[in-house]
Protein backbone atom coordinates (compact mmCIF):
# COMPACT_ATOMS: atom_id res chain seq x y z
CA UNK A 1 -45.28 38.29 25.20
CA UNK A 2 -47.51 38.39 22.25
CA UNK A 3 -45.53 38.30 18.76
CA UNK A 4 -46.29 41.11 16.32
CA UNK A 5 -47.85 40.50 13.13
CA UNK A 6 -44.86 40.74 10.24
CA UNK A 7 -44.88 44.31 8.38
CA UNK A 8 -46.98 44.33 5.28
CA UNK A 9 -44.75 44.19 2.18
CA UNK A 10 -43.78 47.76 0.63
CA UNK A 11 -42.94 48.36 -2.72
CA UNK A 12 -41.55 51.73 -3.94
CA UNK A 13 -40.47 51.91 -7.70
CA UNK A 14 -38.47 54.85 -6.64
CA UNK A 15 -36.42 53.33 -3.42
CA UNK A 16 -32.98 52.84 -4.37
CA UNK A 17 -32.49 50.11 -1.59
CA UNK A 18 -35.54 48.35 -2.92
CA UNK A 19 -34.46 48.77 -6.40
CA UNK A 20 -30.67 47.12 -5.76
CA UNK A 21 -32.86 43.59 -5.11
CA UNK A 22 -36.76 44.04 -5.53
CA UNK A 23 -37.12 40.33 -5.98
CA UNK A 24 -37.49 39.62 -2.64
CA UNK A 25 -40.15 42.32 -2.35
CA UNK A 26 -41.83 41.38 -5.50
CA UNK A 27 -41.93 37.74 -4.43
CA UNK A 28 -43.75 39.01 -1.32
CA UNK A 29 -46.28 40.97 -3.25
CA UNK A 30 -47.42 37.97 -5.43
CA UNK A 31 -47.97 35.97 -2.37
CA UNK A 32 -49.11 38.10 0.31
CA UNK A 33 -51.01 40.75 -1.94
CA UNK A 34 -51.24 39.98 -5.70
CA UNK A 35 -53.07 43.32 -6.08
CA UNK A 36 -50.89 45.72 -4.03
CA UNK A 37 -51.72 49.52 -2.87
CA UNK A 38 -48.95 52.20 -2.51
CA UNK A 39 -50.43 55.09 -0.58
CA UNK A 40 -47.42 57.24 -0.47
CA UNK A 41 -47.46 57.30 -4.53
CA UNK A 42 -51.17 56.58 -5.08
CA UNK A 43 -50.81 53.41 -7.45
CA UNK A 44 -51.82 49.99 -7.45
CA UNK A 45 -49.42 47.18 -8.66
CA UNK A 46 -50.08 43.72 -10.12
CA UNK A 47 -47.09 41.24 -9.86
CA UNK A 48 -48.13 37.67 -10.82
CA UNK A 49 -47.68 36.17 -14.34
CA UNK A 50 -51.32 35.70 -15.43
CA UNK A 51 -52.43 39.01 -13.90
CA UNK A 52 -49.40 41.17 -15.56
CA UNK A 53 -49.90 39.27 -18.99
CA UNK A 54 -53.51 39.64 -19.00
CA UNK A 55 -52.77 43.38 -17.99
CA UNK A 56 -50.40 43.77 -20.72
CA UNK A 57 -52.90 42.75 -23.23
CA UNK A 58 -56.01 44.77 -21.80
CA UNK A 59 -55.58 47.94 -23.87
CA UNK A 60 -59.12 48.91 -23.64
CA UNK A 61 -59.45 48.86 -19.59
CA UNK A 62 -55.41 49.76 -19.09
CA UNK A 63 -54.55 52.16 -21.30
CA UNK A 64 -51.12 53.57 -22.48
CA UNK A 65 -51.69 57.10 -23.96
CA UNK A 66 -51.58 58.99 -20.44
CA UNK A 67 -47.98 57.40 -20.27
CA UNK A 68 -46.30 54.04 -19.62
CA UNK A 69 -44.13 55.70 -16.81
CA UNK A 70 -45.70 56.61 -13.39
CA UNK A 71 -44.49 60.04 -12.80
CA UNK A 72 -45.70 60.84 -16.45
CA UNK A 73 -49.30 59.68 -15.82
CA UNK A 74 -49.29 61.29 -12.72
CA UNK A 75 -48.33 64.49 -14.04
CA UNK A 76 -51.12 64.30 -16.90
CA UNK A 77 -48.50 65.14 -19.28
CA UNK A 78 -49.78 65.40 -22.86
CA UNK A 79 -48.23 62.69 -24.97
CA UNK A 80 -46.73 63.97 -28.44
CA UNK A 81 -47.90 62.06 -31.68
CA UNK A 82 -45.54 59.48 -32.72
CA UNK A 83 -44.81 58.13 -29.18
CA UNK A 84 -46.22 54.89 -29.91
CA UNK A 85 -45.36 53.68 -26.33
CA UNK A 86 -47.58 56.09 -25.21
CA UNK A 87 -50.29 55.84 -27.46
CA UNK A 88 -53.85 53.54 -27.78
CA UNK A 89 -55.57 52.35 -30.49
CA UNK A 90 -56.84 53.41 -33.25
CA UNK A 91 -53.79 55.99 -33.61
CA UNK A 92 -51.35 53.49 -32.31
CA UNK A 93 -51.97 50.87 -34.88
CA UNK A 94 -51.11 53.65 -37.62
CA UNK A 95 -48.06 54.80 -36.05
CA UNK A 96 -46.71 51.40 -35.10
CA UNK A 97 -47.25 50.30 -38.74
CA UNK A 98 -44.63 52.44 -40.07
CA UNK A 99 -41.75 51.44 -38.09
CA UNK A 100 -42.80 47.89 -38.27
CA UNK A 101 -41.93 47.96 -41.93
CA UNK A 102 -38.45 48.89 -40.92
CA UNK A 103 -37.70 46.78 -37.83
CA UNK A 104 -38.66 43.20 -39.13
CA UNK A 105 -36.61 40.15 -37.79
CA UNK A 106 -35.57 39.83 -41.46
CA UNK A 107 -34.38 43.41 -41.84
CA UNK A 108 -32.65 43.57 -38.42
CA UNK A 109 -30.63 40.06 -39.17
CA UNK A 110 -29.54 41.64 -42.32
CA UNK A 111 -27.71 44.18 -40.36
CA UNK A 112 -25.64 41.60 -38.16
CA UNK A 113 -22.26 42.01 -40.04
CA UNK A 114 -22.19 45.77 -38.88
CA UNK A 115 -23.23 44.86 -35.62
CA UNK A 116 -20.65 42.20 -35.26
CA UNK A 117 -17.87 44.65 -36.66
CA UNK A 118 -18.82 47.18 -34.04
CA UNK A 119 -18.55 44.44 -31.28
CA UNK A 120 -15.44 43.17 -32.51
CA UNK A 121 -13.71 46.80 -32.75
CA UNK A 122 -14.81 47.66 -29.38
CA UNK A 123 -13.50 44.28 -27.96
CA UNK A 124 -10.24 43.99 -29.85
CA UNK A 125 -9.21 47.41 -28.28
CA UNK A 126 -8.98 45.46 -24.83
CA UNK A 127 -6.77 43.21 -25.52
CA UNK A 128 -4.11 42.56 -22.96
CA UNK A 129 -6.38 44.14 -20.29
CA UNK A 130 -6.88 42.40 -16.98
CA UNK A 131 -9.91 44.08 -16.10
CA UNK A 132 -12.27 46.44 -17.98
CA UNK A 133 -15.96 48.30 -17.58
CA UNK A 134 -18.39 45.97 -20.00
CA UNK A 135 -20.84 48.70 -20.14
CA UNK A 136 -18.27 51.56 -20.78
CA UNK A 137 -16.44 49.33 -23.54
CA UNK A 138 -19.36 47.61 -25.04
CA UNK A 139 -22.66 47.80 -23.51
CA UNK A 140 -23.11 51.63 -23.90
CA UNK A 141 -21.48 52.47 -27.17
CA UNK A 142 -22.31 49.49 -29.39
CA UNK A 143 -26.33 49.79 -28.92
CA UNK A 144 -25.81 53.94 -29.85
CA UNK A 145 -23.57 52.87 -32.87
CA UNK A 146 -26.26 50.61 -34.15
CA UNK A 147 -29.23 52.72 -33.47
CA UNK A 148 -27.26 55.90 -35.01
CA UNK A 149 -26.40 53.75 -38.21
CA UNK A 150 -29.86 52.97 -38.61
CA UNK A 151 -31.32 56.56 -38.18
CA UNK A 152 -28.13 58.17 -40.22
CA UNK A 153 -26.64 60.05 -37.14
CA UNK A 154 -23.03 60.71 -37.79
CA UNK A 155 -20.88 58.66 -35.15
CA UNK A 156 -19.18 61.92 -33.94
CA UNK A 157 -22.39 63.22 -32.50
CA UNK A 158 -23.83 59.88 -31.13
CA UNK A 159 -21.71 59.80 -27.87
CA UNK A 160 -23.39 63.31 -26.85
CA UNK A 161 -26.75 62.21 -27.63
CA UNK A 162 -26.63 59.27 -25.51
CA UNK A 163 -25.08 61.40 -22.63
CA UNK A 164 -28.42 63.48 -22.97
CA UNK A 165 -30.55 60.26 -22.85
CA UNK A 166 -28.71 58.99 -19.81
CA UNK A 167 -29.09 62.42 -17.72
CA UNK A 168 -33.13 62.60 -18.64
CA UNK A 169 -33.58 59.24 -17.19
CA UNK A 170 -31.42 58.94 -13.89
CA UNK A 171 -33.07 59.50 -10.60
CA UNK A 172 -31.08 61.86 -8.65
CA UNK A 173 -32.83 60.56 -5.38
CA UNK A 174 -35.36 57.88 -4.19
CA UNK A 175 -38.29 60.10 -4.81
CA UNK A 176 -40.61 60.48 -7.72
CA UNK A 177 -38.78 62.94 -10.02
CA UNK A 178 -40.47 65.86 -12.07
CA UNK A 179 -42.16 64.49 -14.86
CA UNK A 180 -40.52 66.57 -17.27
CA UNK A 181 -37.00 65.00 -16.59
CA UNK A 182 -38.34 61.73 -18.08
CA UNK A 183 -39.72 63.26 -21.33
CA UNK A 184 -36.30 62.11 -23.34
CA UNK A 185 -38.00 62.33 -26.49
CA UNK A 186 -39.94 65.46 -26.74
CA UNK A 187 -37.95 68.62 -24.99
CA UNK A 188 -34.42 67.05 -25.86
CA UNK A 189 -35.47 65.81 -29.38
CA UNK A 190 -35.40 69.02 -31.14
CA UNK A 191 -31.85 70.10 -29.92
CA UNK A 192 -30.70 66.65 -30.96
CA UNK A 193 -32.18 65.66 -33.95
CA UNK A 194 -33.86 68.82 -35.48
CA UNK A 195 -30.85 69.52 -37.68
CA UNK A 196 -30.47 65.94 -38.86
CA UNK A 197 -34.23 65.92 -39.97
CA UNK A 198 -33.48 69.47 -41.87
CA UNK A 199 -30.38 68.06 -43.63
CA UNK A 200 -32.22 64.53 -44.52
CA UNK A 201 -35.20 66.39 -45.82
CA UNK A 202 -32.86 68.25 -48.81
CA UNK A 203 -30.39 65.16 -48.60
CA UNK A 204 -32.39 61.87 -48.42
CA UNK A 205 -30.35 58.54 -47.72
CA UNK A 206 -30.79 54.74 -46.94
CA UNK A 207 -31.88 55.23 -43.32
CA UNK A 208 -34.80 55.14 -41.21
CA UNK A 209 -34.87 58.99 -40.77
CA UNK A 210 -34.99 59.19 -44.51
CA UNK A 211 -37.77 56.44 -44.40
CA UNK A 212 -39.99 58.27 -41.84
CA UNK A 213 -39.54 61.65 -43.54
CA UNK A 214 -40.64 60.53 -47.08
CA UNK A 215 -43.34 57.76 -46.07
CA UNK A 216 -46.76 58.60 -46.93
CA UNK A 217 -49.55 56.94 -44.93
CA UNK A 218 -53.18 57.07 -44.13
CA UNK A 219 -53.77 58.34 -40.62
CA UNK A 220 -56.45 57.14 -38.07
CA UNK A 221 -58.76 60.04 -39.57
CA UNK A 222 -58.51 58.61 -43.03
CA UNK A 223 -56.03 61.37 -44.18
CA UNK A 224 -53.09 60.31 -46.59
CA UNK A 225 -50.25 62.08 -45.73
CA UNK A 226 -46.73 62.16 -44.48
CA UNK A 227 -45.33 62.59 -40.86
CA UNK A 228 -45.16 66.04 -39.46
CA UNK A 229 -41.71 67.10 -38.23
CA UNK A 230 -42.88 67.01 -34.56
CA UNK A 231 -44.06 63.56 -35.11
CA UNK A 232 -40.70 62.49 -36.80
CA UNK A 233 -38.82 64.17 -33.60
CA UNK A 234 -40.75 62.05 -31.46
CA UNK A 235 -40.33 58.92 -33.58
CA UNK A 236 -36.57 59.30 -33.58
CA UNK A 237 -36.31 60.24 -29.74
CA UNK A 238 -38.04 57.33 -28.84
CA UNK A 239 -35.91 54.94 -30.90
CA UNK A 240 -32.67 56.46 -29.68
CA UNK A 241 -34.01 56.30 -26.07
CA UNK A 242 -35.63 52.82 -26.17
CA UNK A 243 -32.93 51.40 -28.71
CA UNK A 244 -29.84 52.33 -26.35
CA UNK A 245 -30.86 51.75 -22.73
CA UNK A 246 -32.50 48.46 -22.69
CA UNK A 247 -30.01 47.06 -24.68
CA UNK A 248 -27.31 48.30 -22.68
CA UNK A 249 -28.80 46.78 -19.84
CA UNK A 250 -29.51 43.38 -21.41
CA UNK A 251 -25.34 43.29 -22.16
CA UNK A 252 -24.78 44.25 -18.58
CA UNK A 253 -27.02 41.46 -16.95
CA UNK A 254 -25.90 38.96 -19.23
CA UNK A 255 -22.23 39.39 -18.35
CA UNK A 256 -23.16 39.56 -14.82
CA UNK A 257 -25.01 36.45 -14.58
CA UNK A 258 -22.33 34.42 -16.77
CA UNK A 259 -19.89 35.75 -14.36
CA UNK A 260 -21.52 34.52 -11.66
CA UNK A 261 -22.52 31.18 -13.12
CA UNK A 262 -19.02 30.20 -14.60
CA UNK A 263 -20.24 26.58 -15.29
CA UNK A 264 -22.93 27.88 -17.45
CA UNK A 265 -20.49 30.49 -19.12
CA UNK A 266 -18.09 27.59 -19.93
CA UNK A 267 -21.20 25.61 -21.71
CA UNK A 268 -22.00 28.57 -23.58
CA UNK A 269 -18.33 29.22 -24.52
CA UNK A 270 -17.89 25.63 -25.70
CA UNK A 271 -21.46 25.47 -27.52
CA UNK A 272 -22.34 28.76 -29.11
CA UNK A 273 -25.62 27.28 -30.03
CA UNK A 274 -26.64 27.92 -26.56
CA UNK A 275 -26.20 31.62 -26.89
CA UNK A 276 -29.78 32.48 -28.02
CA UNK A 277 -31.32 30.70 -25.04
CA UNK A 278 -28.67 32.17 -22.64
CA UNK A 279 -30.02 35.58 -23.90
CA UNK A 280 -33.58 34.68 -23.45
CA UNK A 281 -33.00 33.38 -19.91
CA UNK A 282 -30.97 36.66 -19.26
CA UNK A 283 -33.91 38.87 -20.31
CA UNK A 284 -36.19 36.60 -18.26
CA UNK A 285 -34.37 36.59 -15.35
CA UNK A 286 -33.43 40.34 -15.13
CA UNK A 287 -36.00 42.29 -17.05
CA UNK A 288 -34.11 45.65 -18.43
CA UNK A 289 -37.64 47.41 -18.16
CA UNK A 290 -39.28 45.71 -15.05
CA UNK A 291 -42.16 47.75 -14.40
CA UNK A 292 -44.94 49.23 -16.69
CA UNK A 293 -47.54 51.93 -15.85
CA UNK A 294 -50.97 52.09 -17.33
CA UNK A 295 -54.11 54.22 -16.53
CA UNK A 296 -57.14 52.53 -15.55
CA UNK A 297 -59.82 53.82 -17.96
CA UNK A 298 -62.63 52.12 -16.28
CA UNK A 299 -63.32 50.14 -13.03
CA UNK A 300 -61.81 47.07 -13.38
CA UNK A 301 -61.44 44.22 -10.36
CA UNK A 302 -58.51 42.30 -9.36
CA UNK A 303 -58.49 39.46 -6.63
CA UNK A 304 -62.06 40.66 -5.49
CA UNK A 305 -61.01 44.46 -5.12
CA UNK A 306 -62.21 47.20 -7.36
CA UNK A 307 -59.66 49.34 -8.87
CA UNK A 308 -61.41 52.62 -9.67
CA UNK A 309 -61.32 54.42 -12.83
CA UNK A 310 -58.64 57.17 -13.05
CA UNK A 311 -56.05 55.09 -11.18
CA UNK A 312 -52.47 54.50 -11.88
CA UNK A 313 -51.67 50.74 -12.10
CA UNK A 314 -47.97 49.33 -12.42
CA UNK A 315 -47.68 46.04 -14.12
CA UNK A 316 -44.59 44.43 -12.64
CA UNK A 317 -43.26 42.11 -15.53
CA UNK A 318 -39.89 42.05 -13.82
CA UNK A 319 -41.88 40.38 -11.03
CA UNK A 320 -43.86 38.15 -13.08
CA UNK A 321 -40.84 36.72 -15.00
CA UNK A 322 -39.76 35.18 -11.84
CA UNK A 323 -43.33 33.75 -10.85
CA UNK A 324 -43.37 30.28 -9.51
CA UNK A 325 -46.84 29.70 -10.76
CA UNK A 326 -45.63 30.12 -14.32
CA UNK A 327 -41.88 29.03 -13.90
CA UNK A 328 -42.12 26.33 -11.32
CA UNK A 329 -39.75 25.91 -8.13
CA UNK A 330 -36.66 26.91 -10.27
CA UNK A 331 -38.04 30.37 -11.19
CA UNK A 332 -35.27 32.24 -9.08
CA UNK A 333 -32.45 30.30 -10.63
CA UNK A 334 -30.61 31.40 -13.65
CA UNK A 335 -30.93 28.56 -16.01
CA UNK A 336 -29.50 28.54 -19.62
CA UNK A 337 -31.07 25.54 -20.46
CA UNK A 338 -34.66 26.31 -19.35
CA UNK A 339 -37.60 26.04 -21.82
CA UNK A 340 -39.10 29.59 -22.45
CA UNK A 341 -42.37 29.76 -24.44
CA UNK A 342 -42.16 33.42 -23.93
CA UNK A 343 -41.13 35.87 -21.15
CA UNK A 344 -42.69 39.19 -20.59
CA UNK A 345 -39.60 41.69 -20.82
CA UNK A 346 -40.51 42.74 -24.37
CA UNK A 347 -44.17 43.41 -23.10
CA UNK A 348 -47.05 41.49 -24.54
CA UNK A 349 -49.97 42.35 -26.75
CA UNK A 350 -50.13 45.36 -28.91
CA UNK A 351 -47.18 47.06 -27.21
CA UNK A 352 -45.12 44.27 -27.51
CA UNK A 353 -41.37 45.89 -28.11
CA UNK A 354 -41.01 46.72 -31.73
CA UNK A 355 -37.02 46.52 -31.35
CA UNK A 356 -37.26 43.08 -29.82
CA UNK A 357 -35.38 41.31 -32.70
CA UNK A 358 -32.73 44.10 -32.88
CA UNK A 359 -32.16 43.79 -28.96
CA UNK A 360 -31.81 39.72 -29.46
CA UNK A 361 -29.35 40.29 -32.26
CA UNK A 362 -27.19 42.97 -30.39
CA UNK A 363 -27.19 40.77 -27.34
CA UNK A 364 -26.19 37.34 -29.20
CA UNK A 365 -23.51 39.17 -31.08
CA UNK A 366 -22.16 40.97 -28.25
CA UNK A 367 -22.00 37.73 -25.80
CA UNK A 368 -20.52 35.67 -28.74
CA UNK A 369 -17.57 38.21 -29.76
CA UNK A 370 -17.16 38.53 -25.87
CA UNK A 371 -16.58 34.74 -25.48
CA UNK A 372 -14.33 34.39 -28.36
CA UNK A 373 -11.72 36.72 -26.61
CA UNK A 374 -12.55 36.23 -22.74
CA UNK A 375 -13.55 32.63 -22.10
CA UNK A 376 -13.42 33.42 -18.26
CA UNK A 377 -14.22 36.39 -16.32
CA UNK A 378 -15.38 37.26 -12.81
CA UNK A 379 -17.59 40.51 -11.63
CA UNK A 380 -15.49 42.89 -9.47
CA UNK A 381 -18.85 44.36 -7.54
CA UNK A 382 -16.67 46.85 -5.44
CA UNK A 383 -15.98 48.69 -8.88
CA UNK A 384 -19.37 48.48 -10.49
CA UNK A 385 -22.22 50.94 -10.13
CA UNK A 386 -26.00 50.13 -10.77
CA UNK A 387 -28.17 52.44 -12.47
CA UNK A 388 -31.43 54.35 -10.72
CA UNK A 389 -34.03 55.45 -13.03
CA UNK A 390 -37.98 54.52 -12.90
CA UNK A 391 -37.83 52.79 -16.38
CA UNK A 392 -34.80 50.82 -16.68
CA UNK A 393 -32.81 48.46 -13.91
CA UNK A 394 -29.08 47.55 -14.64
CA UNK A 395 -25.47 48.69 -14.62
CA UNK A 396 -24.05 52.22 -15.14
CA UNK A 397 -20.70 50.20 -14.47
CA UNK A 398 -19.82 46.63 -14.47
CA UNK A 399 -16.07 45.56 -13.96
CA UNK A 400 -15.14 42.23 -15.46
CA UNK A 401 -11.89 40.86 -14.40
CA UNK A 402 -10.65 38.41 -17.36
CA UNK A 403 -8.19 35.74 -17.06
C-alpha cells in the first residue's frame, strides 16, 4: 500500500476553526510554503519574519491605499481621506504628522494618572468577587474611557459607540463578509461623531477633537488649510476603532497567558519592574491584529515566484512573531524574560502604529492594577468566548477565577 502525500497546508483568515489556533497552520506555511496562495479568496500570504518585516517596509510595491483589510481591498472600496491606515505617501505623511503631534510617548505617559484611575475604579468594583469577566470589567471599558477622554466624548455616550464599533467588526460566519460591514470609520462615523464635531467647532476644549478641528497644515498639494469635516470624521472614527479593539485584545491575551503560566505571573507580581517586558512578550506571543493586507502595485518576486501586479497579499505579522528563524527554538514559549529588540504587532515602517505608546501604557497599567488586587487567578475557558473578526484576534469574554 502506497502512503499518500500529506495534504498541503490551508490558511483562511475567515475560518473560525483556523482562527481558534492559527499558529499550527502558520508554522506549516513558514516551513512548507513561505509564499502561500489561497485560491478560494485569491490572495497570497507571507509568513516568515524576514519576508513580513520587509513587506511592511515596502510601501512602494505593497501599498495600503486600497485597504489593509482583505475584503476592503477585494471590494475596491474608495478610502476616505484621513484614514492613515489606508493611505500611501505623499498624502500619508501629511495626515500622519497631524496625529504624531498628539500621540507622542511623552504626551501619552502624561495621562497615566487618569488611566490608572480608570483601572482602579473598574477593579475596585470587583472586590470580593470569586470570578469575573476581565473583558467586560476592564479590557473593554477602560480603553474606551481613555480614548473618549482624549477625544472629548462624554462618558455617557462611550458604551454605545463601542457597541457600534464591535458590531461593525464582528464576523457572522466563516466566510468573507461584505466590505461595507468593515468600514467602521466612515458610514458609522457621521452618526456617532458628527454632533460632537459640530459642538466642538463652536465650543473648543483641550482635547484631540478640538486640535484636529483648528489645526492648520500644508497638505500634499502645497495648500495650507484645515481638515475638512469628512477628514475629521475619518480621523476620529479611526482613533476610536483602533484605540479600542487592539488594546482590549492585548489586555485579554495578557491575563490569559499569565493565568496559564502561574509561575511567571507570581514573578511579575513580586517584581513589578517585569511588567513592561511582560506586555511586550504578550504582544509578540499573540498579536492583537495578526494579519495585514496589501495591494501589489507592481510585480514582485518572493521565493522564486512572481506575485503579479494587482494581487492581494497578506502579511502575517502574527506568524512572523513566532518564527524560529528570528526567535530560536523557544519561539512558541511564553517567556516574560525574553530579549525583544522589536516585534511586528504594531507593524513596521511608515505604518508603525501611532497608538503604540498608548497601548503599552494601558496594558502596563491594567496589569499593574490587576496584580495589586488579584495575585492569583486561573482562566475558565468554558465560560469564555473568542472574538471572530478579520482584523483583530482575541476574546469577547474571558472569565478569571480569582483566589
